[in-house]
N, C-alpha and C. Protein backbone atom coordinates (compact mmCIF):
# COMPACT_ATOMS: atom_id res chain seq x y z
N MET A 1 -70.91 14.71 40.43
CA MET A 1 -69.93 15.49 41.03
C MET A 1 -69.26 14.85 42.24
N ASN A 2 -70.63 15.02 43.10
CA ASN A 2 -70.20 14.72 44.61
C ASN A 2 -69.66 13.10 44.90
N HIS A 3 -70.30 12.32 43.91
CA HIS A 3 -69.47 10.87 43.82
C HIS A 3 -68.28 10.87 43.72
N ILE A 4 -67.58 11.63 42.71
CA ILE A 4 -65.93 11.84 42.64
C ILE A 4 -65.51 11.92 43.61
N PHE A 5 -65.86 13.48 44.48
CA PHE A 5 -65.09 14.02 45.50
C PHE A 5 -65.11 13.08 46.62
N ARG A 6 -66.23 12.05 47.03
CA ARG A 6 -66.49 11.33 47.97
C ARG A 6 -65.34 10.24 47.74
N HIS A 7 -65.18 9.47 46.71
CA HIS A 7 -64.65 8.56 46.13
C HIS A 7 -63.06 8.65 45.98
N TYR A 8 -62.54 9.73 45.69
CA TYR A 8 -61.40 9.82 45.03
C TYR A 8 -60.43 10.84 45.59
N TRP A 9 -60.87 12.01 46.72
CA TRP A 9 -60.26 12.65 47.45
C TRP A 9 -58.96 11.82 47.83
N GLY A 10 -58.89 11.07 48.58
CA GLY A 10 -58.15 10.10 49.24
C GLY A 10 -56.61 9.55 48.46
N LEU A 11 -57.35 9.57 46.39
CA LEU A 11 -56.63 9.18 46.15
C LEU A 11 -55.55 10.24 45.63
N ALA A 12 -56.02 11.46 45.44
CA ALA A 12 -55.25 12.64 45.46
C ALA A 12 -54.56 13.00 46.39
N PHE A 13 -54.73 12.98 47.63
CA PHE A 13 -54.29 12.64 49.08
C PHE A 13 -52.77 11.91 48.62
N VAL A 14 -52.47 10.73 48.60
CA VAL A 14 -51.89 9.55 48.36
C VAL A 14 -51.16 10.41 47.12
N ILE A 15 -51.47 10.30 45.97
CA ILE A 15 -50.65 10.87 44.96
C ILE A 15 -49.86 12.49 45.23
N GLY A 16 -50.33 13.48 46.21
CA GLY A 16 -49.57 14.13 46.48
C GLY A 16 -48.67 13.98 47.13
N LEU A 17 -48.64 13.06 48.30
CA LEU A 17 -47.58 12.47 49.27
C LEU A 17 -46.30 12.24 48.10
N LEU A 18 -47.00 11.25 47.38
CA LEU A 18 -46.03 10.50 46.72
C LEU A 18 -44.99 11.61 45.53
N PHE A 19 -45.78 12.28 45.28
CA PHE A 19 -45.17 13.24 44.50
C PHE A 19 -44.48 14.18 45.24
N MET A 20 -44.18 14.41 46.62
CA MET A 20 -43.82 15.06 47.55
C MET A 20 -42.42 14.55 47.87
N LEU A 21 -42.30 13.44 48.10
CA LEU A 21 -41.81 12.27 48.49
C LEU A 21 -40.62 12.25 47.19
N ALA A 22 -41.16 11.92 46.50
CA ALA A 22 -40.49 11.95 45.05
C ALA A 22 -39.17 13.66 45.46
N GLY A 23 -40.35 14.52 44.76
CA GLY A 23 -39.71 15.91 44.98
C GLY A 23 -38.66 15.71 45.89
N ALA A 24 -38.65 15.35 47.02
CA ALA A 24 -37.47 15.72 48.38
C ALA A 24 -36.44 14.49 47.81
N GLY A 25 -36.62 13.94 47.51
CA GLY A 25 -35.22 12.61 47.49
C GLY A 25 -34.47 13.06 46.16
N MET A 26 -35.11 13.68 44.98
CA MET A 26 -34.68 14.28 43.91
C MET A 26 -33.90 15.22 44.57
N ALA A 27 -34.41 16.07 45.12
CA ALA A 27 -33.58 17.15 45.66
C ALA A 27 -32.67 17.01 46.61
N ILE A 28 -33.04 16.25 47.67
CA ILE A 28 -31.67 15.32 48.41
C ILE A 28 -30.45 15.16 47.44
N LEU A 29 -30.91 14.22 46.67
CA LEU A 29 -29.76 13.37 45.66
C LEU A 29 -29.86 13.72 43.99
N PRO A 30 -29.63 14.81 43.63
CA PRO A 30 -29.77 15.72 42.63
C PRO A 30 -28.60 14.91 41.37
N PHE A 31 -27.59 14.32 41.84
CA PHE A 31 -26.59 13.36 41.04
C PHE A 31 -27.12 12.30 40.36
N GLY A 32 -27.76 11.67 41.65
CA GLY A 32 -28.74 10.35 41.56
C GLY A 32 -29.73 10.59 40.59
N THR A 33 -30.55 11.69 40.99
CA THR A 33 -31.61 11.57 39.93
C THR A 33 -31.31 12.19 38.76
N TYR A 34 -30.23 13.07 38.46
CA TYR A 34 -30.02 12.94 36.93
C TYR A 34 -29.69 11.61 36.34
N TYR A 35 -28.72 10.88 36.92
CA TYR A 35 -28.37 9.54 36.31
C TYR A 35 -29.35 8.55 36.11
N ALA A 36 -30.63 8.30 36.83
CA ALA A 36 -31.72 7.84 36.86
C ALA A 36 -32.41 7.89 36.11
N LEU A 37 -32.42 9.66 35.63
CA LEU A 37 -33.38 10.13 34.67
C LEU A 37 -32.83 9.76 33.35
N SER A 38 -31.71 10.13 33.17
CA SER A 38 -30.66 9.49 32.01
C SER A 38 -30.97 8.30 31.60
N LEU A 39 -30.83 7.18 32.82
CA LEU A 39 -31.34 5.87 32.35
C LEU A 39 -31.85 5.62 31.75
N LEU A 40 -33.51 6.35 32.36
CA LEU A 40 -34.94 6.26 31.84
C LEU A 40 -34.91 6.58 30.25
N LEU A 41 -34.31 7.78 30.31
CA LEU A 41 -34.50 7.95 28.90
C LEU A 41 -34.28 7.18 27.85
N SER A 42 -32.81 6.74 28.03
CA SER A 42 -31.89 5.88 27.32
C SER A 42 -33.02 4.36 27.05
N ILE A 43 -33.46 3.78 28.22
CA ILE A 43 -34.41 2.49 28.29
C ILE A 43 -35.68 2.94 27.39
N THR A 44 -36.37 4.43 27.49
CA THR A 44 -37.40 4.58 26.94
C THR A 44 -36.76 4.50 25.86
N PHE A 45 -36.14 4.95 25.00
CA PHE A 45 -35.78 4.69 23.71
C PHE A 45 -35.43 3.81 23.18
N ILE A 46 -34.93 2.68 23.94
CA ILE A 46 -34.17 1.39 23.38
C ILE A 46 -36.08 0.39 23.28
N VAL A 47 -36.89 0.51 24.23
CA VAL A 47 -37.68 0.12 24.25
C VAL A 47 -38.48 0.36 22.92
N GLY A 48 -38.81 1.89 23.12
CA GLY A 48 -39.47 2.33 21.60
C GLY A 48 -39.13 2.04 20.61
N GLY A 49 -37.36 2.12 20.43
CA GLY A 49 -37.58 1.89 19.22
C GLY A 49 -37.79 0.55 18.67
N THR A 50 -37.44 -0.20 19.76
CA THR A 50 -37.15 -1.79 19.14
C THR A 50 -38.98 -2.29 19.16
N ALA A 51 -40.11 -1.61 19.81
CA ALA A 51 -41.41 -1.78 19.30
C ALA A 51 -41.66 -0.82 18.17
N GLU A 52 -41.47 -0.05 17.92
CA GLU A 52 -41.44 0.43 16.62
C GLU A 52 -40.71 -0.57 15.11
N ILE A 53 -39.99 -1.35 15.55
CA ILE A 53 -39.41 -2.37 14.56
C ILE A 53 -40.00 -3.45 14.30
N VAL A 54 -41.05 -4.10 15.85
CA VAL A 54 -41.51 -5.16 15.73
C VAL A 54 -42.55 -4.83 15.04
N MET A 55 -42.85 -3.82 15.28
CA MET A 55 -44.68 -3.09 14.73
C MET A 55 -44.76 -2.85 13.26
N GLY A 56 -43.11 -2.47 12.71
CA GLY A 56 -43.18 -2.15 11.43
C GLY A 56 -42.87 -3.79 10.41
N ILE A 57 -42.35 -4.47 10.92
CA ILE A 57 -42.15 -5.78 10.49
C ILE A 57 -43.16 -6.69 10.22
N ARG A 58 -44.48 -6.67 11.70
CA ARG A 58 -45.43 -7.47 11.52
C ARG A 58 -46.39 -6.32 10.98
N LYS A 59 -46.27 -5.96 9.94
CA LYS A 59 -47.48 -4.69 9.57
C LYS A 59 -48.43 -5.80 9.45
N ASP A 60 -49.40 -5.16 9.25
CA ASP A 60 -51.20 -5.50 9.36
C ASP A 60 -51.76 -5.09 8.24
N LYS A 61 -52.83 -5.36 7.70
CA LYS A 61 -53.50 -4.72 6.23
C LYS A 61 -53.80 -3.51 6.40
N LEU A 62 -53.80 -2.75 7.20
CA LEU A 62 -54.09 -1.07 6.92
C LEU A 62 -52.90 -0.41 6.90
N GLN A 63 -51.91 -1.19 7.34
CA GLN A 63 -50.26 -0.37 7.00
C GLN A 63 -50.18 -1.04 5.67
N LYS A 64 -49.66 -0.39 4.67
CA LYS A 64 -49.45 -0.32 3.30
C LYS A 64 -47.79 -0.42 3.57
N SER A 65 -47.27 0.54 4.20
CA SER A 65 -45.75 0.30 3.87
C SER A 65 -45.54 0.54 5.62
N SER A 66 -44.56 -0.27 5.77
CA SER A 66 -43.63 0.32 7.24
C SER A 66 -42.38 0.29 7.18
N GLY A 67 -42.13 1.08 6.24
CA GLY A 67 -40.59 1.21 6.29
C GLY A 67 -40.03 3.28 7.00
N TRP A 68 -41.25 3.40 7.17
CA TRP A 68 -40.91 4.51 7.88
C TRP A 68 -41.09 4.16 9.23
N ARG A 69 -41.98 3.56 9.62
CA ARG A 69 -42.07 2.63 11.13
C ARG A 69 -40.57 1.80 11.29
N ILE A 70 -40.18 1.36 10.61
CA ILE A 70 -38.67 0.75 10.70
C ILE A 70 -37.80 1.55 10.63
N ALA A 71 -37.68 2.59 9.62
CA ALA A 71 -36.72 3.56 10.03
C ALA A 71 -36.50 3.95 11.48
N GLY A 72 -37.99 4.81 11.83
CA GLY A 72 -37.79 5.34 13.10
C GLY A 72 -37.63 4.66 14.20
N GLY A 73 -38.03 3.52 14.64
CA GLY A 73 -37.77 2.65 15.33
C GLY A 73 -35.93 2.14 15.44
N ILE A 74 -35.52 2.36 14.13
CA ILE A 74 -34.19 2.36 14.26
C ILE A 74 -33.25 3.55 14.81
N THR A 75 -33.44 4.19 14.27
CA THR A 75 -33.08 5.61 14.42
C THR A 75 -33.29 5.81 16.57
N ASP A 76 -34.21 5.29 16.96
CA ASP A 76 -34.75 5.42 17.99
C ASP A 76 -34.14 4.82 18.77
N LEU A 77 -33.42 3.20 18.24
CA LEU A 77 -33.08 1.99 18.96
C LEU A 77 -31.43 2.74 19.14
N ILE A 78 -31.08 3.39 18.01
CA ILE A 78 -29.88 3.50 17.99
C ILE A 78 -29.44 4.84 18.89
N ILE A 79 -30.58 6.00 19.03
CA ILE A 79 -30.03 7.12 20.13
C ILE A 79 -29.97 6.38 21.15
N GLY A 80 -31.07 5.46 21.70
CA GLY A 80 -30.92 4.84 22.68
C GLY A 80 -29.37 4.19 23.20
N VAL A 81 -28.92 3.45 22.37
CA VAL A 81 -27.63 3.13 22.96
C VAL A 81 -26.72 3.33 23.26
N ILE A 82 -26.85 4.55 22.27
CA ILE A 82 -25.45 5.40 22.24
C ILE A 82 -25.86 7.02 22.99
N ILE A 83 -27.08 7.09 23.59
CA ILE A 83 -27.02 8.57 24.13
C ILE A 83 -26.17 8.75 25.11
N TYR A 84 -25.26 10.30 25.22
CA TYR A 84 -24.73 10.46 25.75
C TYR A 84 -25.22 11.64 27.00
N PRO A 85 -24.01 11.44 28.36
CA PRO A 85 -24.41 12.40 29.14
C PRO A 85 -24.76 13.60 29.06
N GLU A 86 -23.95 14.37 27.93
CA GLU A 86 -24.29 15.79 27.62
C GLU A 86 -25.40 15.93 27.02
N PHE A 87 -25.77 15.10 26.09
CA PHE A 87 -27.53 15.21 25.18
C PHE A 87 -28.17 15.06 26.33
N SER A 88 -27.99 13.87 27.31
CA SER A 88 -29.38 13.50 28.34
C SER A 88 -29.19 14.96 29.25
N PHE A 89 -28.39 15.64 29.82
CA PHE A 89 -28.48 17.07 30.29
C PHE A 89 -29.44 18.14 29.59
N GLU A 90 -29.23 18.12 28.09
CA GLU A 90 -30.23 19.19 27.57
C GLU A 90 -31.53 18.46 27.19
N GLY A 91 -31.61 17.20 26.81
CA GLY A 91 -32.64 16.52 26.19
C GLY A 91 -33.48 16.08 27.38
N LEU A 92 -32.91 15.88 28.65
CA LEU A 92 -33.64 16.27 30.03
C LEU A 92 -34.06 17.25 30.57
N SER A 93 -33.44 18.11 30.39
CA SER A 93 -34.26 19.64 30.57
C SER A 93 -35.08 20.02 29.61
N TYR A 94 -35.33 19.90 28.79
CA TYR A 94 -36.17 20.07 28.01
C TYR A 94 -37.84 19.67 27.94
N LEU A 95 -37.31 18.18 28.37
CA LEU A 95 -38.37 17.32 28.28
C LEU A 95 -38.51 17.33 29.57
N LEU A 96 -38.54 17.58 30.76
CA LEU A 96 -38.82 17.84 31.96
C LEU A 96 -39.52 19.11 31.75
N ALA A 97 -38.49 20.11 31.23
CA ALA A 97 -39.55 21.64 31.09
C ALA A 97 -40.59 21.47 30.67
N ILE A 98 -40.88 21.14 29.77
CA ILE A 98 -42.36 20.97 28.80
C ILE A 98 -43.28 20.42 29.29
N SER A 99 -43.18 19.36 30.37
CA SER A 99 -43.93 18.43 30.96
C SER A 99 -44.46 19.00 32.51
N LEU A 100 -43.27 19.64 32.72
CA LEU A 100 -43.57 20.36 34.33
C LEU A 100 -44.41 21.73 33.90
N MET A 101 -44.40 22.13 32.57
CA MET A 101 -44.87 23.67 32.31
C MET A 101 -46.31 23.37 32.22
N PHE A 102 -46.24 22.06 31.32
CA PHE A 102 -47.96 21.89 30.96
C PHE A 102 -48.72 21.49 32.23
N ARG A 103 -47.89 20.84 33.33
CA ARG A 103 -48.55 20.41 34.52
C ARG A 103 -49.03 21.64 35.14
N SER A 104 -48.15 22.85 35.51
CA SER A 104 -48.17 23.82 36.24
C SER A 104 -49.67 24.58 35.44
N VAL A 105 -49.46 24.74 34.27
CA VAL A 105 -50.68 25.22 33.65
C VAL A 105 -51.77 24.50 33.83
N MET A 106 -52.23 23.28 33.95
CA MET A 106 -53.19 22.73 34.33
C MET A 106 -53.37 22.92 36.31
N MET A 107 -52.17 23.20 37.02
CA MET A 107 -52.97 23.82 38.28
C MET A 107 -53.25 24.92 37.95
N MET A 108 -53.18 25.69 37.17
CA MET A 108 -53.32 27.26 37.56
C MET A 108 -54.84 27.06 36.92
N MET A 109 -55.33 26.16 36.16
CA MET A 109 -56.73 25.96 35.60
C MET A 109 -57.46 25.57 37.20
N LEU A 110 -57.10 24.82 37.30
CA LEU A 110 -57.44 24.22 38.63
C LEU A 110 -57.68 25.20 39.74
N SER A 111 -56.51 25.97 40.12
CA SER A 111 -56.95 26.89 41.02
C SER A 111 -58.14 28.08 40.70
N PHE A 112 -57.82 28.07 39.23
CA PHE A 112 -59.32 29.22 38.77
C PHE A 112 -60.04 28.78 39.23
N SER A 113 -60.39 27.25 38.90
CA SER A 113 -61.75 27.05 39.06
C SER A 113 -62.20 26.87 40.49
N LEU A 114 -61.38 26.67 41.56
CA LEU A 114 -61.52 26.65 42.83
C LEU A 114 -62.20 27.85 43.46
N ARG A 115 -61.54 28.63 42.94
CA ARG A 115 -61.39 30.20 43.27
C ARG A 115 -63.00 30.43 43.08
N LEU A 116 -63.40 30.01 41.58
CA LEU A 116 -65.25 30.47 41.46
C LEU A 116 -65.65 29.05 42.29
N TYR A 117 -65.25 28.09 43.02
CA TYR A 117 -66.11 27.40 43.77
C TYR A 117 -66.38 27.58 44.70
N ASP A 118 -65.47 27.72 45.64
CA ASP A 118 -65.58 28.26 47.38
C ASP A 118 -64.71 29.82 47.39
N GLY A 119 -63.74 29.91 46.58
CA GLY A 119 -63.30 31.30 46.90
C GLY A 119 -62.22 31.37 48.11
N ILE A 120 -62.19 29.94 48.67
CA ILE A 120 -61.12 30.46 49.84
C ILE A 120 -59.74 29.75 49.30
N GLY A 121 -58.60 30.09 50.14
CA GLY A 121 -57.18 29.77 49.64
C GLY A 121 -57.27 29.16 48.34
N TRP A 122 -57.28 29.78 47.45
CA TRP A 122 -57.17 29.57 45.74
C TRP A 122 -56.15 29.68 45.35
N PHE A 123 -55.58 31.12 46.31
CA PHE A 123 -54.43 31.83 46.21
C PHE A 123 -52.97 31.26 46.38
N TRP A 124 -53.46 30.46 47.48
CA TRP A 124 -51.77 29.67 48.03
C TRP A 124 -51.77 28.76 46.80
N LEU A 125 -52.94 28.08 46.34
CA LEU A 125 -52.81 27.04 45.20
C LEU A 125 -51.96 27.85 43.85
N MET A 126 -53.01 28.93 43.68
CA MET A 126 -52.27 29.69 42.40
C MET A 126 -50.81 29.78 42.50
N GLY A 127 -49.84 30.40 43.73
CA GLY A 127 -48.94 30.27 44.12
C GLY A 127 -47.85 29.55 43.57
N ILE A 128 -48.50 28.20 44.04
CA ILE A 128 -47.25 27.10 44.30
C ILE A 128 -47.26 26.32 42.62
N SER A 129 -48.86 27.04 41.79
CA SER A 129 -48.87 26.62 40.76
C SER A 129 -47.35 27.36 39.74
N ILE A 130 -47.71 29.05 40.27
CA ILE A 130 -46.70 29.95 39.29
C ILE A 130 -45.33 29.73 39.65
N LEU A 131 -45.13 29.51 40.80
CA LEU A 131 -43.28 28.80 41.37
C LEU A 131 -43.40 27.31 40.43
N SER A 132 -44.08 26.71 40.36
CA SER A 132 -43.65 25.78 39.33
C SER A 132 -43.21 25.82 38.13
N MET A 133 -44.33 26.68 37.24
CA MET A 133 -44.29 27.28 36.17
C MET A 133 -42.64 27.91 35.84
N LEU A 134 -42.33 28.87 36.94
CA LEU A 134 -41.54 29.37 36.84
C LEU A 134 -40.16 28.71 37.09
N LEU A 135 -39.78 27.20 37.89
CA LEU A 135 -38.93 26.28 37.60
C LEU A 135 -39.04 26.25 36.37
N SER A 136 -40.25 25.21 35.83
CA SER A 136 -39.67 24.89 34.48
C SER A 136 -39.63 25.80 32.93
N LEU A 137 -39.54 27.22 33.53
CA LEU A 137 -38.98 27.67 32.55
C LEU A 137 -37.85 28.00 32.94
N LEU A 138 -36.96 28.24 33.78
CA LEU A 138 -35.79 28.00 34.38
C LEU A 138 -35.29 26.70 33.71
N LEU A 139 -35.98 25.70 33.79
CA LEU A 139 -35.10 24.60 33.28
C LEU A 139 -35.27 24.82 31.43
N LEU A 140 -36.17 25.10 30.91
CA LEU A 140 -36.45 25.50 29.29
C LEU A 140 -35.04 26.82 29.56
N TRP A 141 -34.67 27.85 29.92
CA TRP A 141 -33.87 28.66 29.65
C TRP A 141 -32.82 28.40 29.38
N ASN A 142 -31.95 27.50 30.20
CA ASN A 142 -30.62 27.09 29.82
C ASN A 142 -30.42 25.75 30.55
N PRO A 143 -30.39 25.24 29.51
CA PRO A 143 -30.35 23.36 30.05
C PRO A 143 -29.05 23.22 30.47
N ILE A 144 -28.11 24.25 29.52
CA ILE A 144 -26.91 23.95 30.73
C ILE A 144 -26.70 23.83 31.60
N ILE A 145 -26.60 25.03 31.85
CA ILE A 145 -26.33 26.18 33.51
C ILE A 145 -27.07 24.86 34.58
N THR A 146 -28.47 24.54 33.68
CA THR A 146 -29.52 23.57 34.84
C THR A 146 -29.21 22.02 34.92
N GLY A 147 -28.48 21.85 33.99
CA GLY A 147 -27.93 20.42 34.21
C GLY A 147 -27.29 19.56 35.59
N PHE A 148 -26.60 21.26 35.69
CA PHE A 148 -25.86 20.80 36.95
C PHE A 148 -26.65 20.52 38.15
N THR A 149 -27.89 21.43 37.70
CA THR A 149 -28.81 21.44 39.08
C THR A 149 -30.72 20.79 38.68
N ILE A 150 -30.02 19.68 37.70
CA ILE A 150 -31.37 19.16 37.40
C ILE A 150 -32.17 18.65 38.35
N GLY A 151 -31.19 17.62 39.06
CA GLY A 151 -32.01 17.15 40.15
C GLY A 151 -32.66 18.16 41.41
N LEU A 152 -32.08 19.11 41.73
CA LEU A 152 -32.66 20.04 42.77
C LEU A 152 -33.76 20.47 42.10
N PHE A 153 -33.80 21.43 40.98
CA PHE A 153 -35.21 21.90 40.31
C PHE A 153 -36.24 20.66 39.77
N THR A 154 -35.92 19.80 39.38
CA THR A 154 -36.67 19.01 39.61
C THR A 154 -37.28 18.66 40.74
N GLY A 155 -36.51 17.94 41.69
CA GLY A 155 -37.32 17.90 42.72
C GLY A 155 -38.20 18.60 43.35
N MET A 156 -37.68 20.36 43.27
CA MET A 156 -38.47 21.36 43.54
C MET A 156 -40.17 21.28 42.84
N ALA A 157 -39.73 21.19 41.44
CA ALA A 157 -40.88 21.05 40.98
C ALA A 157 -42.21 20.16 41.12
N PHE A 158 -41.30 18.88 41.72
CA PHE A 158 -42.18 17.83 41.60
C PHE A 158 -43.06 17.78 43.43
N PHE A 159 -41.85 18.16 43.92
CA PHE A 159 -42.30 18.62 45.48
C PHE A 159 -43.61 19.62 45.68
N GLY A 160 -43.40 20.87 44.26
CA GLY A 160 -44.61 21.64 44.01
C GLY A 160 -46.10 21.40 43.39
N VAL A 161 -45.43 20.28 42.53
CA VAL A 161 -47.02 19.50 42.01
C VAL A 161 -47.73 19.00 43.50
N GLY A 162 -46.50 18.12 43.83
CA GLY A 162 -47.42 17.41 45.02
C GLY A 162 -48.28 17.87 45.83
N LEU A 163 -47.17 19.15 46.47
CA LEU A 163 -48.17 20.54 47.76
C LEU A 163 -48.94 20.69 46.91
N PHE A 164 -49.54 20.43 46.10
CA PHE A 164 -50.88 21.40 44.74
C PHE A 164 -51.67 19.93 45.12
N ILE A 165 -51.07 18.97 44.39
CA ILE A 165 -52.34 17.74 44.57
C ILE A 165 -52.71 17.61 46.50
N PHE A 166 -51.79 18.05 47.16
CA PHE A 166 -52.02 17.11 48.42
C PHE A 166 -52.78 18.21 49.02
N LEU A 167 -52.80 19.70 48.48
CA LEU A 167 -53.83 20.76 49.60
C LEU A 167 -55.13 20.62 48.89
N PHE A 168 -54.99 20.48 47.46
CA PHE A 168 -56.17 19.86 46.77
C PHE A 168 -57.35 19.06 47.18
N SER A 169 -56.29 17.73 47.60
CA SER A 169 -57.12 16.87 48.18
C SER A 169 -58.06 17.28 49.28
N PHE A 170 -57.47 18.11 50.79
CA PHE A 170 -58.28 18.41 51.59
C PHE A 170 -59.45 19.18 51.13
N ARG A 171 -59.17 20.15 49.76
CA ARG A 171 -60.55 21.15 49.17
C ARG A 171 -61.67 20.30 48.52
N LEU A 172 -61.32 18.95 47.89
CA LEU A 172 -61.83 17.66 47.90
C LEU A 172 -62.56 17.26 49.00
N ARG A 173 -62.02 16.83 50.00
CA ARG A 173 -62.71 16.39 51.15
C ARG A 173 -63.61 17.16 51.71
N LYS A 174 -63.11 18.27 51.74
CA LYS A 174 -64.16 19.48 52.42
C LYS A 174 -65.38 19.63 51.80
N ALA A 175 -65.17 19.58 50.67
CA ALA A 175 -66.62 19.55 49.07
C ALA A 175 -67.26 18.31 48.99
N GLU A 176 -66.62 17.62 49.77
CA GLU A 176 -67.86 16.27 49.90
C GLU A 176 -68.49 16.42 51.18
N ILE A 177 -68.05 16.66 52.26
CA ILE A 177 -68.71 17.47 53.57
C ILE A 177 -69.58 17.91 53.10
N ILE A 178 -69.35 19.19 52.35
CA ILE A 178 -70.33 20.31 52.75
C ILE A 178 -71.52 19.79 51.11
N TYR A 179 -71.04 19.39 50.68
CA TYR A 179 -72.18 18.89 49.36
C TYR A 179 -72.58 17.72 49.28
N ALA A 180 -72.05 16.71 49.78
CA ALA A 180 -72.50 15.47 50.02
C ALA A 180 -74.15 14.96 50.16
N PRO A 181 -74.85 14.24 49.55
CA PRO A 181 -76.24 14.45 49.89
C PRO A 181 -76.48 13.61 51.03
């Protein structure tokens, strides 16, 4: 375990900074964030659908039937091509809310682990986790209203996740100093 702390606390530090910078950028440019996420969602459907079609056509011995795979690929491809901004508001809200909710739960579990580990400062990390969870619930609760502020809330949630990872990296570094052989 000490080996992990010794070598990877700096990586957590950098990842935390990147999440915080991305979050600040999203909060400052919320409409640009919306369009970037909408474009990313559309590209993901197009690439995923194309890959499914190719895999369905190039079936191997393990695949007896590839009809469903090809049908799913065509469906994804069509969705990616004709995706509308109204759909993207709701779709992005749900997708981001679930993703950030999952990350918030992970952060809560890490906070509890830290509490058992050394008991100092864990409540700040838990507070950030709870705030990130509340923001993700807000995204999930009303995606239409949230659609107007998706960039701001996504940015705040990303910043919260980044702040958690950033602060946690210092705890990892401290653990290295205390517990290194």
